[in-house]
């Protein structure tokens, strides 16, 4: 599979497996696919994206400079990449590779484990490395989570992975990643789970630089039943974030990675042990307190915030500085700034992000009822609004419908155009449309 390696610079040795359909952003921002520490690199410096077997680089920050094989790229310039191309940014050099030999850098790639051929490394989680694998008997492709042999000797790590497998097998929900089987081979634990061909919600957010309101509502209506299932099982996930929401065909999303989950009783009594991801961590977790299901609701709200705004709630120089902003004595939760978010949805997300858990929804069930009401209100508004004269994709669309489906970066301009159209309509109805402005 295509990869990019950091050959020289402060982040030497970092690498990333590239997947088609995902916009891989490289820069200093913590949300980037490779978060660089090189101070001469911009927060979002360049993007890599694949299409039908071809790979492209797009320069995002000409001020700090991006060179491809020694030649400077212009602002927003896109070039096709070839194997062994050299990318220079700041004090760093990166190599783009399409050689299958690079997969051998990972010690498990190419091996057979429990009847599964490990094809390539997909990524790493809190409990182990995840590989794209194929069941040699059935031919089914799976994501196989396991541990390198030297780490598998650690009984604690080994038990954590097997515990995660047992939890997901017991949950059995249409919006929770399924575990097909798990076990140990020669002291090496493994669990075979659903492979998400569309990547993660984080990939989708990066690709579109934020998601349409309609998509966010769909994600809400799918993930809240999954959180309901966790509550029924008296479990707290403790690491809900876009990277742990997996995307499938037809817009389906599923919650995964239960490596940091805990029983409700133990989660409530836990003290001074921060788990989870800083950008989505609840104030209780950030302050080292015990947690319950309302902690997951906060992290869910932080995930929705990222999806709607195209950025995380807080930024910082390290994990500690970010998590402290989520704490009860930290920075106030930021407001949603996008202009076209329905007020009901805005209130919903901001309630999820209250610093005090007592001011959030009491449960996922209560939040789901509100999410259904919001969805119904949006649907009603669309049904009652007259159709526009123009067509989109062969179908008539309402004004609201068209804006809700626009890419994030297009919306401010589109909202201004909507206002201008409405102003002209009102002027026409009042007979004062002699000098209506052109768009």
Protein backbone atom coordinates (compact mmCIF):
# COMPACT_ATOMS: atom_id res chain seq x y z
CA UNK A 1 0.00 0.00 0.00
CA UNK A 2 1.17 3.59 -0.57
CA UNK A 3 3.02 5.14 2.35
CA UNK A 4 4.79 8.32 3.29
CA UNK A 5 7.91 8.27 5.48
CA UNK A 6 9.66 11.10 7.29
CA UNK A 7 13.25 10.57 6.18
CA UNK A 8 14.88 13.55 7.90
CA UNK A 9 13.93 16.19 10.46
CA UNK A 10 12.58 16.26 14.03
CA UNK A 11 10.02 13.55 13.22
CA UNK A 12 12.39 11.10 11.49
CA UNK A 13 10.92 7.61 11.41
CA UNK A 14 7.25 8.64 11.41
CA UNK A 15 5.23 6.96 8.66
CA UNK A 16 1.66 6.70 7.44
CA UNK A 17 -0.22 4.16 5.35
CA UNK A 18 -2.27 6.07 2.75
CA UNK A 19 -5.83 5.09 1.83
CA UNK A 20 -7.79 6.24 -1.20
CA UNK A 21 -10.79 8.45 -0.50
CA UNK A 22 -9.09 10.02 2.50
CA UNK A 23 -7.47 13.46 2.46
CA UNK A 24 -4.29 12.98 4.49
CA UNK A 25 -3.24 16.37 5.86
CA UNK A 26 0.38 16.85 6.96
CA UNK A 27 1.30 19.69 9.31
CA UNK A 28 1.78 20.74 12.93
CA UNK A 29 -1.91 20.60 13.92
CA UNK A 30 -2.72 17.73 16.25
CA UNK A 31 -5.60 16.67 14.00
CA UNK A 32 -3.28 16.08 11.00
CA UNK A 33 -2.65 12.56 9.75
CA UNK A 34 1.00 13.09 10.63
CA UNK A 35 1.35 15.79 13.29
CA UNK A 36 4.82 17.25 12.76
CA UNK A 37 6.93 18.99 15.42
CA UNK A 38 9.06 20.91 12.88
CA UNK A 39 8.43 24.57 13.82
CA UNK A 40 8.97 25.74 10.21
CA UNK A 41 5.99 23.71 9.05
CA UNK A 42 2.51 25.24 8.95
CA UNK A 43 -0.38 23.82 10.94
CA UNK A 44 -1.82 22.37 7.74
CA UNK A 45 0.99 22.33 5.23
CA UNK A 46 -0.01 19.96 2.42
CA UNK A 47 -2.49 17.23 1.59
CA UNK A 48 -2.12 13.81 -0.01
CA UNK A 49 -5.07 12.15 -1.71
CA UNK A 50 -5.53 9.11 -3.93
CA UNK A 51 -7.95 8.60 -6.80
CA UNK A 52 -8.22 5.39 -8.86
CA UNK A 53 -4.68 4.31 -8.11
CA UNK A 54 -3.13 7.75 -8.67
CA UNK A 55 -1.82 9.89 -5.81
CA UNK A 56 -1.65 13.67 -5.62
CA UNK A 57 -0.09 16.33 -3.39
CA UNK A 58 -1.76 19.70 -2.87
CA UNK A 59 0.25 22.57 -1.39
CA UNK A 60 -1.66 24.49 1.28
CA UNK A 61 0.86 26.98 2.66
CA UNK A 62 3.12 28.66 0.07
CA UNK A 63 4.50 31.05 2.68
CA UNK A 64 6.41 28.29 4.43
CA UNK A 65 7.27 26.51 1.21
CA UNK A 66 6.72 23.02 -0.17
CA UNK A 67 9.14 21.43 -2.61
CA UNK A 68 8.52 18.35 -4.71
CA UNK A 69 11.78 16.83 -5.98
CA UNK A 70 13.48 20.20 -5.45
CA UNK A 71 10.84 22.28 -7.26
CA UNK A 72 8.70 24.73 -5.27
CA UNK A 73 4.93 24.31 -5.48
CA UNK A 74 2.65 27.31 -5.96
CA UNK A 75 -0.28 28.18 -3.72
CA UNK A 76 -2.97 25.46 -3.89
CA UNK A 77 -1.01 23.74 -6.68
CA UNK A 78 -1.72 20.04 -7.14
CA UNK A 79 0.81 17.58 -8.61
CA UNK A 80 0.62 13.85 -9.26
CA UNK A 81 3.09 11.78 -7.24
CA UNK A 82 5.34 8.93 -8.33
CA UNK A 83 7.17 6.29 -6.34
CA UNK A 84 10.19 7.65 -4.37
CA UNK A 85 9.19 11.32 -4.83
CA UNK A 86 10.92 13.62 -2.33
CA UNK A 87 8.81 16.20 -0.45
CA UNK A 88 10.64 18.96 1.45
CA UNK A 89 8.90 21.15 4.04
CA UNK A 90 10.62 23.22 6.71
CA UNK A 91 13.60 21.23 8.02
CA UNK A 92 11.98 17.92 7.12
CA UNK A 93 12.20 15.54 4.17
CA UNK A 94 9.47 13.01 3.41
CA UNK A 95 9.45 10.15 0.92
CA UNK A 96 6.35 8.97 -0.94
CA UNK A 97 6.50 5.25 -1.65
CA UNK A 98 4.33 2.82 -3.58
CA UNK A 99 6.68 -0.12 -3.15
CA UNK A 100 5.25 -3.31 -1.63
CA UNK A 101 8.67 -3.89 -0.10
CA UNK A 102 7.99 -1.05 2.35
CA UNK A 103 5.32 -3.17 4.03
CA UNK A 104 8.11 -5.47 5.20
CA UNK A 105 9.33 -2.72 7.53
CA UNK A 106 6.56 -3.87 9.85
CA UNK A 107 7.57 -7.23 11.37
CA UNK A 108 4.08 -8.80 11.15
CA UNK A 109 3.10 -7.73 7.63
CA UNK A 110 2.95 -10.76 5.37
CA UNK A 111 2.68 -13.27 8.22
CA UNK A 112 -0.23 -15.65 8.83
CA UNK A 113 -1.85 -15.47 12.27
CA UNK A 114 -4.73 -17.75 13.29
CA UNK A 115 -5.60 -18.38 9.65
CA UNK A 116 -5.44 -14.70 8.66
CA UNK A 117 -2.95 -13.28 6.15
CA UNK A 118 -1.76 -9.90 7.46
CA UNK A 119 -1.59 -7.59 4.43
CA UNK A 120 -0.72 -4.13 5.76
CA UNK A 121 -0.68 -2.08 8.93
CA UNK A 122 -3.78 0.13 9.21
CA UNK A 123 -2.86 1.88 12.44
CA UNK A 124 -2.39 1.53 16.17
CA UNK A 125 -4.82 1.82 19.06
CA UNK A 126 -4.53 1.89 22.83
CA UNK A 127 -4.61 -1.92 22.96
CA UNK A 128 -2.69 -3.03 19.87
CA UNK A 129 -1.78 -2.71 16.21
CA UNK A 130 -4.50 -3.15 13.58
CA UNK A 131 -3.85 -4.86 10.25
CA UNK A 132 -5.85 -5.32 7.10
CA UNK A 133 -6.10 -9.10 6.88
CA UNK A 134 -7.83 -11.83 4.89
CA UNK A 135 -9.27 -15.04 6.26
CA UNK A 136 -7.54 -17.69 4.16
CA UNK A 137 -10.48 -20.07 4.43
CA UNK A 138 -13.47 -17.78 3.79
CA UNK A 139 -11.74 -14.96 1.91
CA UNK A 140 -13.37 -12.37 4.19
CA UNK A 141 -11.35 -9.20 4.74
CA UNK A 142 -11.14 -8.06 8.34
CA UNK A 143 -9.30 -5.65 10.57
CA UNK A 144 -7.16 -7.82 12.79
CA UNK A 145 -5.92 -6.37 16.06
CA UNK A 146 -2.92 -8.01 17.69
CA UNK A 147 0.34 -7.37 19.54
CA UNK A 148 3.95 -7.83 18.41
CA UNK A 149 5.44 -10.93 20.03
CA UNK A 150 7.75 -9.00 22.34
CA UNK A 151 4.85 -6.91 23.67
CA UNK A 152 2.54 -9.93 23.87
CA UNK A 153 4.77 -11.22 26.68
CA UNK A 154 3.32 -8.43 28.84
CA UNK A 155 0.38 -10.16 30.52
CA UNK A 156 -1.41 -6.88 31.24
CA UNK A 157 -1.34 -5.81 27.57
CA UNK A 158 -2.38 -9.26 26.45
CA UNK A 159 -5.34 -9.37 28.84
CA UNK A 160 -6.47 -5.87 27.82
CA UNK A 161 -6.78 -6.88 24.19
CA UNK A 162 -8.68 -10.08 24.98
CA UNK A 163 -10.94 -8.18 27.38
CA UNK A 164 -11.80 -5.70 24.62
CA UNK A 165 -12.69 -8.60 22.33
CA UNK A 166 -15.04 -10.11 24.91
CA UNK A 167 -16.74 -6.74 25.49
CA UNK A 168 -17.46 -6.10 21.81
CA UNK A 169 -18.63 -9.68 21.26
CA UNK A 170 -21.16 -9.25 24.07
CA UNK A 171 -22.49 -5.85 22.94
CA UNK A 172 -23.92 -7.02 19.58
CA UNK A 173 -25.36 -3.82 18.10
CA UNK A 174 -25.80 -2.64 14.52
CA UNK A 175 -23.87 0.57 15.26
CA UNK A 176 -21.02 -1.06 17.16
CA UNK A 177 -18.09 -2.71 15.37
CA UNK A 178 -18.56 -6.50 15.37
CA UNK A 179 -15.91 -8.91 16.59
CA UNK A 180 -15.92 -12.12 14.54
CA UNK A 181 -13.55 -14.10 16.72
CA UNK A 182 -10.67 -13.77 19.15
CA UNK A 183 -8.07 -15.95 20.79
CA UNK A 184 -4.36 -16.61 21.27
CA UNK A 185 -1.84 -18.35 19.04
CA UNK A 186 1.53 -19.15 20.57
CA UNK A 187 0.94 -16.58 23.30
CA UNK A 188 0.02 -13.84 20.80
CA UNK A 189 -3.53 -12.48 21.27
CA UNK A 190 -5.71 -11.39 18.37
CA UNK A 191 -9.23 -10.24 17.57
CA UNK A 192 -10.78 -10.18 14.09
CA UNK A 193 -13.23 -7.31 13.67
CA UNK A 194 -15.20 -5.62 10.91
CA UNK A 195 -13.07 -3.81 8.35
CA UNK A 196 -14.37 -0.30 7.61
CA UNK A 197 -13.68 0.35 3.89
CA UNK A 198 -14.61 4.03 4.18
CA UNK A 199 -12.14 4.71 7.00
CA UNK A 200 -13.12 6.75 10.04
CA UNK A 201 -15.25 9.79 10.71
CA UNK A 202 -12.02 11.72 11.26
CA UNK A 203 -10.99 10.85 7.69
CA UNK A 204 -14.35 12.13 6.46
CA UNK A 205 -14.06 15.37 8.42
CA UNK A 206 -10.57 16.01 7.05
CA UNK A 207 -11.64 15.20 3.51
CA UNK A 208 -14.51 17.71 3.55
CA UNK A 209 -13.03 20.14 6.12
CA UNK A 210 -16.21 19.70 8.17
CA UNK A 211 -19.46 17.87 7.46
CA UNK A 212 -22.88 18.98 6.18
CA UNK A 213 -25.56 19.35 8.85
CA UNK A 214 -27.56 16.52 7.29
CA UNK A 215 -24.61 14.14 7.71
CA UNK A 216 -24.01 15.23 11.30
CA UNK A 217 -27.65 14.55 12.19
CA UNK A 218 -27.34 11.10 10.60
CA UNK A 219 -24.25 10.37 12.71
CA UNK A 220 -26.12 11.50 15.84
CA UNK A 221 -29.06 9.21 15.16
CA UNK A 222 -26.74 6.22 14.66
CA UNK A 223 -24.25 6.69 17.50
CA UNK A 224 -26.70 7.54 20.28
CA UNK A 225 -28.34 4.07 20.08
CA UNK A 226 -24.83 2.61 20.37
CA UNK A 227 -24.30 4.69 23.53
CA UNK A 228 -27.69 3.48 24.77
CA UNK A 229 -26.44 -0.09 24.35
CA UNK A 230 -23.36 0.75 26.42
CA UNK A 231 -25.52 2.18 29.17
CA UNK A 232 -27.70 -0.95 29.18
CA UNK A 233 -24.51 -2.99 29.62
CA UNK A 234 -23.28 -0.62 32.36
CA UNK A 235 -20.16 0.29 30.41
CA UNK A 236 -18.40 3.63 29.86
CA UNK A 237 -16.38 3.92 26.64
CA UNK A 238 -14.06 6.76 27.82
CA UNK A 239 -12.52 7.42 24.38
CA UNK A 240 -15.27 8.52 22.01
CA UNK A 241 -13.77 10.55 19.16
CA UNK A 242 -14.03 10.75 15.36
CA UNK A 243 -11.11 8.34 14.96
CA UNK A 244 -13.09 5.65 16.81
CA UNK A 245 -16.19 6.08 14.65
CA UNK A 246 -15.91 3.84 11.58
CA UNK A 247 -17.61 4.53 8.26
CA UNK A 248 -19.26 2.01 5.96
CA UNK A 249 -21.12 2.07 2.65
CA UNK A 250 -24.48 3.81 2.63
CA UNK A 251 -23.51 6.36 5.28
CA UNK A 252 -23.51 3.79 8.10
CA UNK A 253 -21.28 4.58 11.09
CA UNK A 254 -20.23 2.29 13.95
CA UNK A 255 -18.51 2.88 17.26
CA UNK A 256 -15.30 0.93 17.89
CA UNK A 257 -12.07 0.64 19.92
CA UNK A 258 -13.23 -0.33 23.41
CA UNK A 259 -9.70 -0.68 24.76
CA UNK A 260 -10.19 2.00 27.41
CA UNK A 261 -13.77 1.11 28.32
CA UNK A 262 -14.64 0.23 31.90
CA UNK A 263 -17.58 -1.06 33.88
CA UNK A 264 -19.75 1.68 35.30
CA UNK A 265 -18.87 0.72 38.87
CA UNK A 266 -15.10 0.88 38.31
CA UNK A 267 -15.34 4.03 36.16
CA UNK A 268 -17.23 5.84 38.92
CA UNK A 269 -14.60 4.98 41.50
CA UNK A 270 -11.54 5.69 39.32
CA UNK A 271 -9.45 8.63 40.49
CA UNK A 272 -6.50 10.63 39.14
CA UNK A 273 -6.01 8.41 36.09
CA UNK A 274 -6.65 10.24 32.83
CA UNK A 275 -7.66 8.05 29.92
CA UNK A 276 -8.99 9.00 26.52
CA UNK A 277 -7.92 11.60 23.97
CA UNK A 278 -7.21 15.21 25.04
CA UNK A 279 -9.28 16.88 22.30
CA UNK A 280 -12.46 15.02 23.31
CA UNK A 281 -11.89 14.42 27.02
CA UNK A 282 -14.69 15.23 29.46
CA UNK A 283 -14.03 17.68 32.32
CA UNK A 284 -14.36 14.77 34.78
CA UNK A 285 -11.67 12.75 33.01
CA UNK A 286 -9.46 15.82 32.62
CA UNK A 287 -9.72 16.47 36.36
CA UNK A 288 -9.02 12.84 37.27
CA UNK A 289 -12.48 12.15 38.68
CA UNK A 290 -14.75 9.15 38.41
CA UNK A 291 -17.06 9.14 35.40
CA UNK A 292 -20.40 7.78 34.20
CA UNK A 293 -22.31 7.77 30.91
CA UNK A 294 -22.45 11.59 30.90
CA UNK A 295 -18.69 11.65 30.32
CA UNK A 296 -19.25 9.76 27.05
CA UNK A 297 -21.97 12.27 26.12
CA UNK A 298 -19.48 15.13 26.50
CA UNK A 299 -16.95 13.34 24.27
CA UNK A 300 -19.76 12.69 21.80
CA UNK A 301 -20.52 16.43 21.84
CA UNK A 302 -16.84 17.25 21.23
CA UNK A 303 -16.97 14.85 18.26
CA UNK A 304 -20.05 16.60 16.84
CA UNK A 305 -18.37 19.98 17.38
CA UNK A 306 -15.36 18.82 15.34
CA UNK A 307 -17.65 17.49 12.60
CA UNK A 308 -19.64 20.73 12.36
CA UNK A 309 -16.78 23.21 12.68
CA UNK A 310 -14.05 21.26 10.90
CA UNK A 311 -11.73 21.81 13.89
CA UNK A 312 -11.41 20.65 17.49
CA UNK A 313 -12.70 22.67 20.45
CA UNK A 314 -9.29 23.58 21.88
CA UNK A 315 -5.69 23.71 20.67
CA UNK A 316 -2.49 23.52 22.68
CA UNK A 317 1.19 22.69 22.56
CA UNK A 318 0.77 19.28 24.21
CA UNK A 319 -1.80 16.82 25.54
CA UNK A 320 -1.77 18.26 29.06
CA UNK A 321 -2.43 21.86 27.97
CA UNK A 322 -5.35 20.70 25.81
CA UNK A 323 -6.93 18.47 28.45
CA UNK A 324 -6.66 21.21 31.08
CA UNK A 325 -8.83 23.47 28.91
CA UNK A 326 -11.57 20.83 29.06
CA UNK A 327 -11.36 20.73 32.88
CA UNK A 328 -13.98 22.41 35.06
CA UNK A 329 -11.60 25.29 35.79
CA UNK A 330 -10.36 25.45 32.20
CA UNK A 331 -11.52 27.49 29.23
CA UNK A 332 -15.29 27.88 28.65
CA UNK A 333 -16.62 25.48 26.03
CA UNK A 334 -16.50 27.36 22.70
CA UNK A 335 -19.68 28.21 20.81
CA UNK A 336 -20.49 26.87 17.36
CA UNK A 337 -19.69 29.57 14.80
CA UNK A 338 -21.11 28.10 11.60
CA UNK A 339 -23.96 30.27 10.46
CA UNK A 340 -26.29 27.68 8.95
CA UNK A 341 -26.62 25.34 11.93
CA UNK A 342 -30.27 25.06 13.02
CA UNK A 343 -30.73 26.60 16.47
CA UNK A 344 -32.06 23.33 17.89
CA UNK A 345 -28.94 21.47 16.80
CA UNK A 346 -26.71 24.24 18.14
CA UNK A 347 -28.44 24.04 21.54
CA UNK A 348 -28.19 20.25 21.50
CA UNK A 349 -24.42 20.20 20.99
CA UNK A 350 -23.79 23.00 23.45
CA UNK A 351 -25.80 21.14 26.11
CA UNK A 352 -23.66 18.04 25.58
CA UNK A 353 -20.59 20.22 26.20
CA UNK A 354 -21.62 21.70 29.54
CA UNK A 355 -18.78 21.64 32.06
CA UNK A 356 -21.07 20.31 34.79
CA UNK A 357 -22.27 16.79 34.05
CA UNK A 358 -25.55 17.58 35.86
CA UNK A 359 -26.37 20.15 33.15
CA UNK A 360 -25.94 17.67 30.28
CA UNK A 361 -28.48 15.09 29.19
CA UNK A 362 -29.00 12.50 31.91
CA UNK A 363 -28.57 9.58 29.51
CA UNK A 364 -28.06 8.62 25.87
CA UNK A 365 -31.78 7.74 25.73
CA UNK A 366 -32.75 11.28 26.67
CA UNK A 367 -30.27 12.71 24.14
CA UNK A 368 -31.60 10.36 21.44
CA UNK A 369 -35.18 11.55 21.96
CA UNK A 370 -34.02 15.14 21.49
CA UNK A 371 -31.96 14.18 18.42
CA UNK A 372 -35.03 12.54 16.86
CA UNK A 373 -37.06 15.69 17.54
CA UNK A 374 -34.39 17.84 15.87
CA UNK A 375 -34.26 15.54 12.85
CA UNK A 376 -38.05 15.67 12.51
CA UNK A 377 -38.05 19.47 12.71
CA UNK A 378 -35.45 19.72 9.94
CA UNK A 379 -37.43 17.27 7.80
CA UNK A 380 -40.63 19.27 8.37
CA UNK A 381 -38.91 22.52 7.43
CA UNK A 382 -37.66 20.96 4.22
CA UNK A 383 -41.10 19.60 3.36
CA UNK A 384 -42.83 22.93 3.90
CA UNK A 385 -40.31 25.06 2.01
CA UNK A 386 -41.04 25.71 -1.68
CA UNK A 387 -38.75 24.13 -4.25
CA UNK A 388 -36.09 26.21 -5.97
CA UNK A 389 -36.36 26.75 -9.70
CA UNK A 390 -32.97 25.15 -10.36
CA UNK A 391 -32.24 21.44 -10.17
CA UNK A 392 -29.36 19.65 -8.43
CA UNK A 393 -28.37 16.20 -9.56
CA UNK A 394 -31.63 15.90 -11.47
CA UNK A 395 -33.84 16.74 -8.47
CA UNK A 396 -35.45 19.93 -7.24
CA UNK A 397 -34.13 21.18 -3.90
CA UNK A 398 -35.35 23.63 -1.30
CA UNK A 399 -33.23 26.57 -0.16
CA UNK A 400 -32.52 24.92 3.21
CA UNK A 401 -31.79 21.56 1.64
CA UNK A 402 -29.25 23.01 -0.74
CA UNK A 403 -27.34 24.87 2.00
CA UNK A 404 -27.33 21.86 4.36
CA UNK A 405 -25.64 19.77 1.67
CA UNK A 406 -22.96 22.29 0.67
CA UNK A 407 -19.27 21.73 1.49
CA UNK A 408 -18.25 23.62 4.61
CA UNK A 409 -15.98 26.15 2.89
CA UNK A 410 -18.76 27.15 0.47
CA UNK A 411 -21.39 27.99 3.04
CA UNK A 412 -20.59 31.58 4.05
CA UNK A 413 -20.75 32.72 0.41
CA UNK A 414 -23.90 30.70 -0.17
CA UNK A 415 -25.60 32.19 2.89
CA UNK A 416 -24.87 35.70 1.59
CA UNK A 417 -26.36 34.71 -1.75
CA UNK A 418 -29.46 33.38 -0.03
CA UNK A 419 -29.88 36.70 1.79
CA UNK A 420 -29.52 38.60 -1.50
CA UNK A 421 -32.13 36.39 -3.18
CA UNK A 422 -34.59 36.89 -0.35
CA UNK A 423 -34.01 40.64 -0.39
CA UNK A 424 -34.74 40.78 -4.13
CA UNK A 425 -37.88 38.69 -3.67
CA UNK A 426 -39.14 41.03 -0.95
CA UNK A 427 -38.28 44.07 -3.08
CA UNK A 428 -40.08 42.59 -6.06
CA UNK A 429 -43.18 41.88 -4.00
CA UNK A 430 -43.14 45.46 -2.72
CA UNK A 431 -42.58 46.89 -6.18
CA UNK A 432 -39.12 48.32 -5.51
CA UNK A 433 -37.01 45.92 -7.57
CA UNK A 434 -35.89 48.34 -10.30
CA UNK A 435 -32.22 48.22 -9.35
CA UNK A 436 -31.85 44.82 -7.68
CA UNK A 437 -28.17 43.85 -7.33
CA UNK A 438 -26.69 41.09 -9.42
CA UNK A 439 -25.04 38.07 -7.72
